[in-house]
C-alpha atoms as a PDB file:
ATOM      1  CA  MET A   1     167.528  64.866  76.628  1.00  0.00           C
ATOM      2  CA  ALA A   2     165.784  66.440  79.593  1.00  0.00           C
ATOM      3  CA  LEU A   3     166.064  65.315  83.154  1.00  0.00           C
ATOM      4  CA  ALA A   4     162.709  63.852  84.133  1.00  0.00           C
ATOM      5  CA  ILE A   5     161.272  65.602  87.169  1.00  0.00           C
ATOM      6  CA  PRO A   6     158.022  64.079  88.534  1.00  0.00           C
ATOM      7  CA  SER A   7     154.946  66.244  88.090  1.00  0.00           C
ATOM      8  CA  GLY A   8     154.453  68.594  90.997  1.00  0.00           C
ATOM      9  CA  THR A   9     158.019  68.130  92.258  1.00  0.00           C
ATOM     10  CA  ALA A  10     160.319  71.113  92.552  1.00  0.00           C
ATOM     11  CA  GLN A  11     163.463  70.805  90.463  1.00  0.00           C
ATOM     12  CA  PRO A  12     166.434  71.093  92.849  1.00  0.00           C
ATOM     13  CA  ASN A  13     168.836  72.476  90.253  1.00  0.00           C
ATOM     14  CA  ALA A  14     167.536  73.997  87.048  1.00  0.00           C
ATOM     15  CA  GLN A  15     170.944  73.598  85.408  1.00  0.00           C
ATOM     16  CA  LEU A  16     170.432  69.840  85.319  1.00  0.00           C
ATOM     17  CA  THR A  17     167.939  70.073  82.472  1.00  0.00           C
ATOM     18  CA  GLN A  18     170.056  68.490  79.760  1.00  0.00           C
ATOM     19  CA  GLN A  19     170.462  69.589  76.179  1.00  0.00           C
ATOM     20  CA  LYS A  20     173.364  67.224  75.556  1.00  0.00           C
ATOM     21  CA  PRO A  21     175.178  64.343  77.261  1.00  0.00           C
ATOM     22  CA  LEU A  22     177.242  65.576  80.201  1.00  0.00           C
ATOM     23  CA  SER A  23     180.855  64.771  80.930  1.00  0.00           C
ATOM     24  CA  PHE A  24     181.756  63.820  84.481  1.00  0.00           C
ATOM     25  CA  ASP A  25     183.228  67.260  85.175  1.00  0.00           C
ATOM     26  CA  GLU A  26     180.122  68.990  83.793  1.00  0.00           C
ATOM     27  CA  PHE A  27     177.938  66.773  85.944  1.00  0.00           C
ATOM     28  CA  LEU A  28     179.879  67.693  89.093  1.00  0.00           C
ATOM     29  CA  THR A  29     179.686  71.389  88.271  1.00  0.00           C
ATOM     30  CA  GLN A  30     176.006  71.437  87.413  1.00  0.00           C
ATOM     31  CA  SER A  31     174.826  69.192  90.230  1.00  0.00           C
ATOM     32  CA  GLY A  32     176.393  71.556  92.734  1.00  0.00           C
ATOM     33  CA  GLY A  33     176.928  68.783  95.267  1.00  0.00           C
ATOM     34  CA  ASP A  34     173.279  67.669  95.242  1.00  0.00           C
ATOM     35  CA  ASN A  35     173.441  63.966  96.082  1.00  0.00           C
ATOM     36  CA  ARG A  36     170.119  62.934  94.531  1.00  0.00           C
ATOM     37  CA  TYR A  37     171.583  62.549  91.029  1.00  0.00           C
ATOM     38  CA  GLU A  38     173.860  60.104  89.243  1.00  0.00           C
ATOM     39  CA  LEU A  39     175.303  60.029  85.725  1.00  0.00           C
ATOM     40  CA  ILE A  40     175.107  57.060  83.333  1.00  0.00           C
ATOM     41  CA  ASP A  41     176.579  57.382  79.832  1.00  0.00           C
ATOM     42  CA  GLY A  42     176.195  61.139  79.999  1.00  0.00           C
ATOM     43  CA  GLU A  43     172.545  61.054  81.090  1.00  0.00           C
ATOM     44  CA  VAL A  44     171.531  62.424  84.475  1.00  0.00           C
ATOM     45  CA  PHE A  45     169.163  60.316  86.564  1.00  0.00           C
ATOM     46  CA  ASP A  46     167.137  61.634  89.466  1.00  0.00           C
ATOM     47  CA  LEU A  47     167.412  58.999  92.207  1.00  0.00           C
ATOM     48  CA  GLU A  48     164.090  60.140  93.703  1.00  0.00           C
ATOM     49  CA  PRO A  49     164.934  59.251  97.309  1.00  0.00           C
ATOM     50  CA  THR A  50     161.474  59.069  98.888  1.00  0.00           C
ATOM     51  CA  GLY A  51     161.108  58.715 102.616  1.00  0.00           C
ATOM     52  CA  GLN A  52     160.371  54.991 102.346  1.00  0.00           C
ATOM     53  CA  HIS A  53     163.401  54.513 100.096  1.00  0.00           C
ATOM     54  CA  GLU A  54     165.613  56.186 102.688  1.00  0.00           C
ATOM     55  CA  GLU A  55     164.185  54.100 105.528  1.00  0.00           C
ATOM     56  CA  VAL A  56     165.166  50.886 103.759  1.00  0.00           C
ATOM     57  CA  ALA A  57     168.645  52.223 102.986  1.00  0.00           C
ATOM     58  CA  ALA A  58     169.068  53.347 106.599  1.00  0.00           C
ATOM     59  CA  PHE A  59     168.011  49.922 107.910  1.00  0.00           C
ATOM     60  CA  VAL A  60     170.593  48.154 105.738  1.00  0.00           C
ATOM     61  CA  THR A  61     173.233  50.675 106.817  1.00  0.00           C
ATOM     62  CA  THR A  62     172.488  50.135 110.507  1.00  0.00           C
ATOM     63  CA  LYS A  63     172.713  46.350 110.282  1.00  0.00           C
ATOM     64  CA  ILE A  64     175.891  46.436 108.208  1.00  0.00           C
ATOM     65  CA  CYS A  65     177.548  48.896 110.605  1.00  0.00           C
ATOM     66  CA  VAL A  66     176.958  46.461 113.469  1.00  0.00           C
ATOM     67  CA  GLN A  67     178.671  43.704 111.495  1.00  0.00           C
ATOM     68  CA  ILE A  68     181.651  45.910 110.647  1.00  0.00           C
ATOM     69  CA  GLU A  69     182.079  46.864 114.294  1.00  0.00           C
ATOM     70  CA  ARG A  70     182.007  43.223 115.340  1.00  0.00           C
ATOM     71  CA  THR A  71     184.654  42.161 112.849  1.00  0.00           C
ATOM     72  CA  GLY A  72     187.033  45.008 113.610  1.00  0.00           C
ATOM     73  CA  LEU A  73     187.828  45.341 109.904  1.00  0.00           C
ATOM     74  CA  PRO A  74     188.973  48.755 108.585  1.00  0.00           C
ATOM     75  CA  TRP A  75     185.714  49.263 106.722  1.00  0.00           C
ATOM     76  CA  PHE A  76     183.001  51.903 106.908  1.00  0.00           C
ATOM     77  CA  VAL A  77     179.678  52.634 105.214  1.00  0.00           C
ATOM     78  CA  LEU A  78     179.625  55.407 102.647  1.00  0.00           C
ATOM     79  CA  GLN A  79     176.202  56.747 101.729  1.00  0.00           C
ATOM     80  CA  ARG A  80     175.618  58.795  98.597  1.00  0.00           C
ATOM     81  CA  GLY A  81     179.265  59.001  97.571  1.00  0.00           C
ATOM     82  CA  LEU A  82     180.089  58.724  93.872  1.00  0.00           C
ATOM     83  CA  LEU A  83     181.545  55.657  92.213  1.00  0.00           C
ATOM     84  CA  ARG A  84     183.161  56.657  88.958  1.00  0.00           C
ATOM     85  CA  PRO A  85     184.499  53.599  87.094  1.00  0.00           C
ATOM     86  CA  SER A  86     187.902  54.535  85.701  1.00  0.00           C
ATOM     87  CA  ASN A  87     187.002  53.127  82.272  1.00  0.00           C
ATOM     88  CA  ALA A  88     183.717  55.061  81.967  1.00  0.00           C
ATOM     89  CA  GLY A  89     184.294  58.763  81.436  1.00  0.00           C
ATOM     90  CA  MET A  90     180.611  59.776  81.390  1.00  0.00           C
ATOM     91  CA  THR A  91     179.326  57.589  84.224  1.00  0.00           C
ATOM     92  CA  ALA A  92     179.201  58.143  87.982  1.00  0.00           C
ATOM     93  CA  PHE A  93     177.046  55.841  90.086  1.00  0.00           C
ATOM     94  CA  ARG A  94     175.774  56.886  93.500  1.00  0.00           C
ATOM     95  CA  PRO A  95     175.100  53.694  95.498  1.00  0.00           C
ATOM     96  CA  ASP A  96     172.554  53.913  98.287  1.00  0.00           C
ATOM     97  CA  VAL A  97     174.887  51.959 100.566  1.00  0.00           C
ATOM     98  CA  ALA A  98     178.538  51.128  99.930  1.00  0.00           C
ATOM     99  CA  VAL A  99     181.023  49.459 102.272  1.00  0.00           C
ATOM    100  CA  VAL A 100     184.463  50.948 101.740  1.00  0.00           C
ATOM    101  CA  ASP A 101     187.847  49.493 102.699  1.00  0.00           C
ATOM    102  CA  ARG A 102     189.742  52.312 104.368  1.00  0.00           C
ATOM    103  CA  ASP A 103     193.104  50.676 103.580  1.00  0.00           C
ATOM    104  CA  GLU A 104     192.458  51.044  99.844  1.00  0.00           C
ATOM    105  CA  LEU A 105     191.669  54.751  99.924  1.00  0.00           C
ATOM    106  CA  ILE A 106     195.316  55.751  99.616  1.00  0.00           C
ATOM    107  CA  LYS A 107     195.091  54.555  95.992  1.00  0.00           C
ATOM    108  CA  GLU A 108     192.016  56.629  95.201  1.00  0.00           C
ATOM    109  CA  PRO A 109     192.982  59.778  93.252  1.00  0.00           C
ATOM    110  CA  PHE A 110     190.059  62.009  94.310  1.00  0.00           C
ATOM    111  CA  TRP A 111     189.325  60.852  97.834  1.00  0.00           C
ATOM    112  CA  SER A 112     191.398  63.406  99.733  1.00  0.00           C
ATOM    113  CA  GLU A 113     189.262  66.232  98.308  1.00  0.00           C
ATOM    114  CA  GLN A 114     185.978  64.646  97.197  1.00  0.00           C
ATOM    115  CA  SER A 115     183.782  61.675  98.078  1.00  0.00           C
ATOM    116  CA  ILE A 116     184.561  59.949  94.775  1.00  0.00           C
ATOM    117  CA  LEU A 117     185.781  56.372  94.300  1.00  0.00           C
ATOM    118  CA  THR A 118     187.187  54.972  91.062  1.00  0.00           C
ATOM    119  CA  LEU A 119     188.484  51.516  92.006  1.00  0.00           C
ATOM    120  CA  GLY A 120     186.306  48.487  92.537  1.00  0.00           C
ATOM    121  CA  ARG A 121     188.710  47.043  95.108  1.00  0.00           C
ATOM    122  CA  SER A 122     187.909  49.961  97.413  1.00  0.00           C
ATOM    123  CA  ILE A 123     184.342  48.668  97.756  1.00  0.00           C
ATOM    124  CA  LYS A 124     183.448  45.433  99.553  1.00  0.00           C
ATOM    125  CA  PHE A 125     179.649  45.596  99.373  1.00  0.00           C
ATOM    126  CA  VAL A 126     176.958  47.643  97.642  1.00  0.00           C
ATOM    127  CA  ALA A 127     173.193  47.893  98.135  1.00  0.00           C
ATOM    128  CA  GLU A 128     170.707  49.698  95.920  1.00  0.00           C
ATOM    129  CA  VAL A 129     167.124  50.423  96.959  1.00  0.00           C
ATOM    130  CA  VAL A 130     164.959  50.298  93.845  1.00  0.00           C
ATOM    131  CA  SER A 131     163.065  53.382  92.676  1.00  0.00           C
ATOM    132  CA  SER A 132     161.409  54.244  89.379  1.00  0.00           C
ATOM    133  CA  ASN A 133     164.752  53.970  87.532  1.00  0.00           C
ATOM    134  CA  TRP A 134     164.765  50.241  88.290  1.00  0.00           C
ATOM    135  CA  GLN A 135     166.297  49.280  84.948  1.00  0.00           C
ATOM    136  CA  ASN A 136     169.654  50.685  86.038  1.00  0.00           C
ATOM    137  CA  ASP A 137     169.687  48.659  89.266  1.00  0.00           C
ATOM    138  CA  TYR A 138     168.783  45.364  87.600  1.00  0.00           C
ATOM    139  CA  ALA A 139     170.751  45.684  84.367  1.00  0.00           C
ATOM    140  CA  ARG A 140     173.463  48.304  84.046  1.00  0.00           C
ATOM    141  CA  LYS A 141     174.686  48.171  87.632  1.00  0.00           C
ATOM    142  CA  VAL A 142     174.659  44.386  87.745  1.00  0.00           C
ATOM    143  CA  GLU A 143     177.008  44.437  84.783  1.00  0.00           C
ATOM    144  CA  ASP A 144     179.256  47.285  85.896  1.00  0.00           C
ATOM    145  CA  TYR A 145     179.517  46.355  89.572  1.00  0.00           C
ATOM    146  CA  ALA A 146     180.527  42.839  88.527  1.00  0.00           C
ATOM    147  CA  ALA A 147     183.111  44.236  86.103  1.00  0.00           C
ATOM    148  CA  LEU A 148     184.532  46.333  88.935  1.00  0.00           C
ATOM    149  CA  GLY A 149     184.907  43.203  91.051  1.00  0.00           C
ATOM    150  CA  ILE A 150     182.495  44.183  93.826  1.00  0.00           C
ATOM    151  CA  SER A 151     181.898  40.845  95.511  1.00  0.00           C
ATOM    152  CA  GLU A 152     178.375  41.392  96.861  1.00  0.00           C
ATOM    153  CA  TYR A 153     175.493  43.533  95.592  1.00  0.00           C
ATOM    154  CA  TRP A 154     171.988  43.727  97.057  1.00  0.00           C
ATOM    155  CA  ILE A 155     168.958  44.987  95.140  1.00  0.00           C
ATOM    156  CA  ALA A 156     166.205  45.842  97.627  1.00  0.00           C
ATOM    157  CA  ASP A 157     162.982  46.163  95.626  1.00  0.00           C
ATOM    158  CA  TYR A 158     160.605  46.902  98.514  1.00  0.00           C
ATOM    159  CA  ALA A 159     157.771  48.079  96.241  1.00  0.00           C
ATOM    160  CA  GLY A 160     158.077  45.354  93.595  1.00  0.00           C
ATOM    161  CA  LEU A 161     158.900  47.825  90.828  1.00  0.00           C
ATOM    162  CA  GLY A 162     161.286  45.706  88.757  1.00  0.00           C
ATOM    163  CA  GLY A 163     160.351  43.973  85.527  1.00  0.00           C
ATOM    164  CA  THR A 164     158.849  40.493  85.661  1.00  0.00           C
ATOM    165  CA  ARG A 165     162.029  39.013  84.186  1.00  0.00           C
ATOM    166  CA  HIS A 166     163.824  40.150  87.344  1.00  0.00           C
ATOM    167  CA  ILE A 167     161.269  39.555  90.125  1.00  0.00           C
ATOM    168  CA  GLY A 168     158.766  37.186  88.552  1.00  0.00           C
ATOM    169  CA  LYS A 169     155.019  37.352  87.966  1.00  0.00           C
ATOM    170  CA  PRO A 170     152.977  38.471  89.776  1.00  0.00           C
ATOM    171  CA  LYS A 171     155.446  41.130  90.865  1.00  0.00           C
ATOM    172  CA  GLN A 172     156.111  41.352  94.569  1.00  0.00           C
ATOM    173  CA  PRO A 173     158.720  42.850  96.904  1.00  0.00           C
ATOM    174  CA  THR A 174     161.994  41.043  96.315  1.00  0.00           C
ATOM    175  CA  LEU A 175     165.524  41.170  97.692  1.00  0.00           C
ATOM    176  CA  SER A 176     168.093  40.048  95.121  1.00  0.00           C
ATOM    177  CA  ILE A 177     171.462  38.970  96.501  1.00  0.00           C
ATOM    178  CA  CYS A 178     174.141  39.126  93.802  1.00  0.00           C
ATOM    179  CA  THR A 179     177.336  37.229  94.597  1.00  0.00           C
ATOM    180  CA  LEU A 180     180.391  37.458  92.348  1.00  0.00           C
ATOM    181  CA  VAL A 181     181.506  34.098  90.938  1.00  0.00           C
ATOM    182  CA  ASP A 182     184.138  33.941  88.180  1.00  0.00           C
ATOM    183  CA  GLY A 183     183.560  37.557  87.231  1.00  0.00           C
ATOM    184  CA  GLU A 184     179.757  37.384  87.019  1.00  0.00           C
ATOM    185  CA  TYR A 185     176.980  37.670  89.553  1.00  0.00           C
ATOM    186  CA  GLU A 186     174.967  34.693  90.682  1.00  0.00           C
ATOM    187  CA  ILE A 187     171.611  36.156  91.685  1.00  0.00           C
ATOM    188  CA  HIS A 188     169.388  34.699  94.409  1.00  0.00           C
ATOM    189  CA  GLN A 189     165.914  36.145  94.897  1.00  0.00           C
ATOM    190  CA  LEU A 190     164.572  36.211  98.450  1.00  0.00           C
ATOM    191  CA  ARG A 191     161.140  37.031  99.815  1.00  0.00           C
ATOM    192  CA  GLY A 192     159.259  36.806 103.089  1.00  0.00           C
ATOM    193  CA  SER A 193     160.956  34.828 105.850  1.00  0.00           C
ATOM    194  CA  GLU A 194     163.798  33.532 103.671  1.00  0.00           C
ATOM    195  CA  MET A 195     167.145  34.103 105.359  1.00  0.00           C
ATOM    196  CA  ILE A 196     169.857  36.236 103.797  1.00  0.00           C
ATOM    197  CA  VAL A 197     173.194  34.487 103.295  1.00  0.00           C
ATOM    198  CA  SER A 198     175.904  37.115 102.944  1.00  0.00           C
ATOM    199  CA  PRO A 199     179.449  36.016 102.029  1.00  0.00           C
ATOM    200  CA  THR A 200     180.757  39.438 103.082  1.00  0.00           C
ATOM    201  CA  PHE A 201     179.017  39.353 106.468  1.00  0.00           C
ATOM    202  CA  PRO A 202     178.521  35.663 107.336  1.00  0.00           C
ATOM    203  CA  GLU A 203     177.270  36.445 110.861  1.00  0.00           C
ATOM    204  CA  LEU A 204     174.417  38.593 109.566  1.00  0.00           C
ATOM    205  CA  ARG A 205     171.018  37.282 110.659  1.00  0.00           C
ATOM    206  CA  LEU A 206     168.258  38.909 108.645  1.00  0.00           C
ATOM    207  CA  THR A 207     165.284  37.815 106.582  1.00  0.00           C
ATOM    208  CA  ALA A 208     164.291  39.345 103.278  1.00  0.00           C
ATOM    209  CA  GLU A 209     161.097  40.631 104.900  1.00  0.00           C
ATOM    210  CA  GLN A 210     163.002  42.565 107.563  1.00  0.00           C
ATOM    211  CA  VAL A 211     164.812  44.503 104.834  1.00  0.00           C
ATOM    212  CA  LEU A 212     161.874  44.933 102.494  1.00  0.00           C
ATOM    213  CA  ARG A 213     159.435  46.046 105.232  1.00  0.00           C
ATOM    214  CA  ALA A 214     161.885  48.376 106.963  1.00  0.00           C
ATOM    215  CA  HIS A 215     159.872  51.365 105.751  1.00  0.00           C
ATOM    216  CA  ARG A 216     156.737  50.352 107.675  1.00  0.00           C
END
């Protein structure tokens, strides 16, 4: 399988053209520290972080950092680190925004040398900004982040790229708030002036539109 590089886009690392599924160690070696890739079941995905994508991620990061500072909790925002589920040897997600509990890092086997997390309890919150690989955000990550026990997961689809089963018809920009209940996510879709209700950050005061239009 070959890594799909958009037409006219320079390939950052020629080694990432795949001839076979990659192990986690092979992925780390071949990616060379380039943080625009993640690995799912041995297949490399280009996260395609456009400027607009990064603006939305940065907006969420800024607002979440304010909340963390107000609470005084030992948390911080990790951007572009790797989340490698301990039960998935050929998978390494790279969340756009992840809130990490500093007190749990002592239990993480790789953290002292690499920005790699393996335990769901280290992560209190995750946000993904949707790009062309939207299927992973709406399907695979919903399943795996829930299995890891991550209590809150946002899917910020600012361009309305997701399938109609996820964001409705006609498709439009949508913020999906996934809240863990009895091991599965309850998903609430927000648009326009609808207010975000965050169990992780109950003092947060944001509308869906503020997140989804952060790139404008």
